[in-house]
């Protein structure tokens, strides 16, 4: 289940807006989303570029300009949440092949073989000649595929909620 924070402001007695939770928690360009992973509620700040399609290196650069990184998709629940936000298209996620491993852009952690089996489309990942960057496959799937980095897709940037 996905819940965006929306623009629910907090008002003072005179009716002036004290702050909007979204902006306080995530900044002006990001929106707060929450999802459940097992019994744990996870909050994250996401920016979804839905207007243009870009290659992986440029999407990565755009996210870093926004003080974030390409969004991670480290669980089936997170993949489902991202798919719910973007139900009808493919998009880059912050995962890339580095030699024989797949590493997350957000924290440089490496995917385990179990994660690869769980999160990739059956038959993937393919050899590095099939691409070193990773996208969410065509809807309605919530699975990942490695793909050549030069193709243009939408993308998500992710930042940690802050005070």
Protein backbone atom coordinates (compact mmCIF):
# COMPACT_ATOMS: atom_id res chain seq x y z
CA UNK A 1 0.00 0.00 0.00
CA UNK A 2 1.36 3.41 -0.97
CA UNK A 3 0.58 6.68 0.72
CA UNK A 4 1.98 10.01 -0.41
CA UNK A 5 2.11 12.66 2.29
CA UNK A 6 0.16 15.04 0.11
CA UNK A 7 0.10 18.73 0.85
CA UNK A 8 -1.51 18.63 4.27
CA UNK A 9 -0.36 21.84 5.95
CA UNK A 10 -0.27 22.69 9.65
CA UNK A 11 -2.02 26.00 10.43
CA UNK A 12 -1.55 28.39 13.33
CA UNK A 13 -4.48 30.06 15.17
CA UNK A 14 -4.58 32.93 12.64
CA UNK A 15 -4.86 30.51 9.72
CA UNK A 16 -1.31 30.97 8.45
CA UNK A 17 0.51 27.88 7.25
CA UNK A 18 3.25 26.96 9.73
CA UNK A 19 4.75 24.30 7.46
CA UNK A 20 3.87 21.51 5.09
CA UNK A 21 5.05 18.10 6.21
CA UNK A 22 6.15 17.14 2.70
CA UNK A 23 8.48 20.10 2.36
CA UNK A 24 9.87 19.81 5.89
CA UNK A 25 10.54 16.10 5.54
CA UNK A 26 11.63 15.86 1.91
CA UNK A 27 12.39 19.28 0.49
CA UNK A 28 10.60 21.06 -2.32
CA UNK A 29 11.29 18.61 -5.16
CA UNK A 30 10.60 15.35 -3.32
CA UNK A 31 7.43 13.82 -1.96
CA UNK A 32 7.15 11.49 1.02
CA UNK A 33 5.97 7.94 0.35
CA UNK A 34 5.47 5.11 2.78
CA UNK A 35 5.23 1.37 2.25
CA UNK A 36 5.32 -1.78 4.32
CA UNK A 37 8.16 -4.26 4.16
CA UNK A 38 7.08 -7.18 6.30
CA UNK A 39 5.95 -5.59 9.56
CA UNK A 40 8.15 -2.50 9.12
CA UNK A 41 6.79 0.79 7.79
CA UNK A 42 9.37 2.46 5.53
CA UNK A 43 9.35 6.18 4.66
CA UNK A 44 11.26 7.57 1.72
CA UNK A 45 11.41 10.76 -0.32
CA UNK A 46 10.92 10.35 -4.07
CA UNK A 47 11.01 12.57 -7.11
CA UNK A 48 9.55 11.04 -10.28
CA UNK A 49 10.62 12.46 -13.64
CA UNK A 50 7.54 11.78 -15.72
CA UNK A 51 7.87 14.45 -18.39
CA UNK A 52 11.04 13.37 -20.15
CA UNK A 53 13.00 10.22 -20.86
CA UNK A 54 16.74 10.17 -20.44
CA UNK A 55 19.66 7.78 -20.44
CA UNK A 56 20.97 6.24 -17.22
CA UNK A 57 24.08 8.44 -16.74
CA UNK A 58 22.06 11.63 -17.22
CA UNK A 59 19.29 10.40 -14.89
CA UNK A 60 21.96 9.60 -12.26
CA UNK A 61 23.46 13.08 -12.68
CA UNK A 62 20.04 14.77 -12.42
CA UNK A 63 19.34 12.92 -9.15
CA UNK A 64 22.71 13.93 -7.69
CA UNK A 65 21.92 17.57 -8.61
CA UNK A 66 18.78 17.17 -6.47
CA UNK A 67 20.88 15.86 -3.53
CA UNK A 68 19.61 12.32 -4.05
CA UNK A 69 20.38 9.21 -6.03
CA UNK A 70 18.53 7.02 -8.49
CA UNK A 71 15.93 5.15 -6.44
CA UNK A 72 16.77 1.78 -5.01
CA UNK A 73 14.37 -1.13 -5.45
CA UNK A 74 15.76 -3.57 -2.90
CA UNK A 75 12.56 -5.45 -2.12
CA UNK A 76 9.41 -6.68 -3.85
CA UNK A 77 7.42 -4.25 -1.71
CA UNK A 78 9.52 -1.29 -2.85
CA UNK A 79 9.25 -2.42 -6.49
CA UNK A 80 5.46 -2.64 -6.10
CA UNK A 81 5.32 0.87 -4.62
CA UNK A 82 7.37 2.32 -7.49
CA UNK A 83 5.17 0.50 -10.02
CA UNK A 84 2.06 1.92 -8.34
CA UNK A 85 3.42 5.46 -8.78
CA UNK A 86 4.34 4.74 -12.43
CA UNK A 87 1.79 2.12 -13.54
CA UNK A 88 2.20 2.41 -17.29
CA UNK A 89 5.86 2.77 -18.22
CA UNK A 90 9.41 1.53 -17.75
CA UNK A 91 11.91 3.47 -15.64
CA UNK A 92 15.51 3.39 -14.47
CA UNK A 93 16.37 2.31 -10.94
CA UNK A 94 19.64 2.95 -9.13
CA UNK A 95 21.31 -0.37 -9.79
CA UNK A 96 24.20 -1.08 -12.15
CA UNK A 97 26.47 -3.96 -13.06
CA UNK A 98 30.05 -3.49 -11.86
CA UNK A 99 32.09 -6.38 -13.18
CA UNK A 100 30.35 -9.55 -12.00
CA UNK A 101 28.10 -7.91 -9.38
CA UNK A 102 25.15 -5.53 -9.28
CA UNK A 103 25.60 -2.57 -6.92
CA UNK A 104 23.11 0.04 -5.73
CA UNK A 105 23.96 3.66 -6.59
CA UNK A 106 22.49 4.84 -3.28
CA UNK A 107 24.90 3.09 -0.93
CA UNK A 108 27.22 0.89 -3.07
CA UNK A 109 25.81 -2.28 -1.47
CA UNK A 110 25.91 -5.39 -3.66
CA UNK A 111 22.90 -7.56 -4.48
CA UNK A 112 22.97 -11.08 -3.14
CA UNK A 113 22.20 -14.00 -5.48
CA UNK A 114 18.88 -14.40 -3.62
CA UNK A 115 17.95 -10.76 -4.27
CA UNK A 116 18.83 -11.15 -7.95
CA UNK A 117 16.62 -14.21 -8.25
CA UNK A 118 13.77 -12.50 -6.42
CA UNK A 119 13.88 -9.08 -8.12
CA UNK A 120 14.88 -9.77 -11.74
CA UNK A 121 12.63 -11.00 -14.55
CA UNK A 122 13.20 -14.75 -15.09
CA UNK A 123 16.15 -15.21 -17.47
CA UNK A 124 17.81 -11.98 -16.28
CA UNK A 125 20.25 -10.57 -15.60
CA UNK A 126 21.82 -11.30 -18.91
CA UNK A 127 25.47 -10.85 -19.82
CA UNK A 128 27.00 -7.40 -19.55
CA UNK A 129 26.73 -7.10 -23.34
CA UNK A 130 22.96 -6.86 -22.73
CA UNK A 131 23.55 -3.77 -20.61
CA UNK A 132 25.05 -2.68 -17.34
CA UNK A 133 22.19 -0.47 -16.17
CA UNK A 134 18.89 -1.62 -14.66
CA UNK A 135 15.28 -0.64 -15.33
CA UNK A 136 11.90 -1.82 -14.17
CA UNK A 137 10.43 -3.89 -16.97
CA UNK A 138 7.22 -3.19 -18.90
CA UNK A 139 4.00 -2.95 -16.89
CA UNK A 140 2.38 -4.65 -15.13
CA UNK A 141 5.52 -6.42 -13.88
CA UNK A 142 7.40 -5.24 -10.81
CA UNK A 143 10.60 -7.05 -11.86
CA UNK A 144 13.95 -5.68 -13.07
CA UNK A 145 16.03 -6.14 -16.25
CA UNK A 146 19.55 -5.10 -17.11
CA UNK A 147 19.60 -2.96 -20.22
CA UNK A 148 21.97 -0.72 -22.25
CA UNK A 149 22.50 2.60 -20.47
CA UNK A 150 22.05 4.82 -23.52
CA UNK A 151 18.30 4.23 -23.89
CA UNK A 152 15.88 6.85 -22.59
CA UNK A 153 13.45 6.06 -19.76
CA UNK A 154 11.71 7.89 -16.98
CA UNK A 155 13.35 7.68 -13.57
CA UNK A 156 12.93 8.10 -9.82
CA UNK A 157 15.30 10.02 -7.56
CA UNK A 158 15.37 9.12 -3.88
CA UNK A 159 16.53 10.99 -0.79
CA UNK A 160 16.32 10.13 2.89
CA UNK A 161 13.71 12.02 4.91
CA UNK A 162 15.30 14.74 7.01
CA UNK A 163 14.25 17.26 9.63
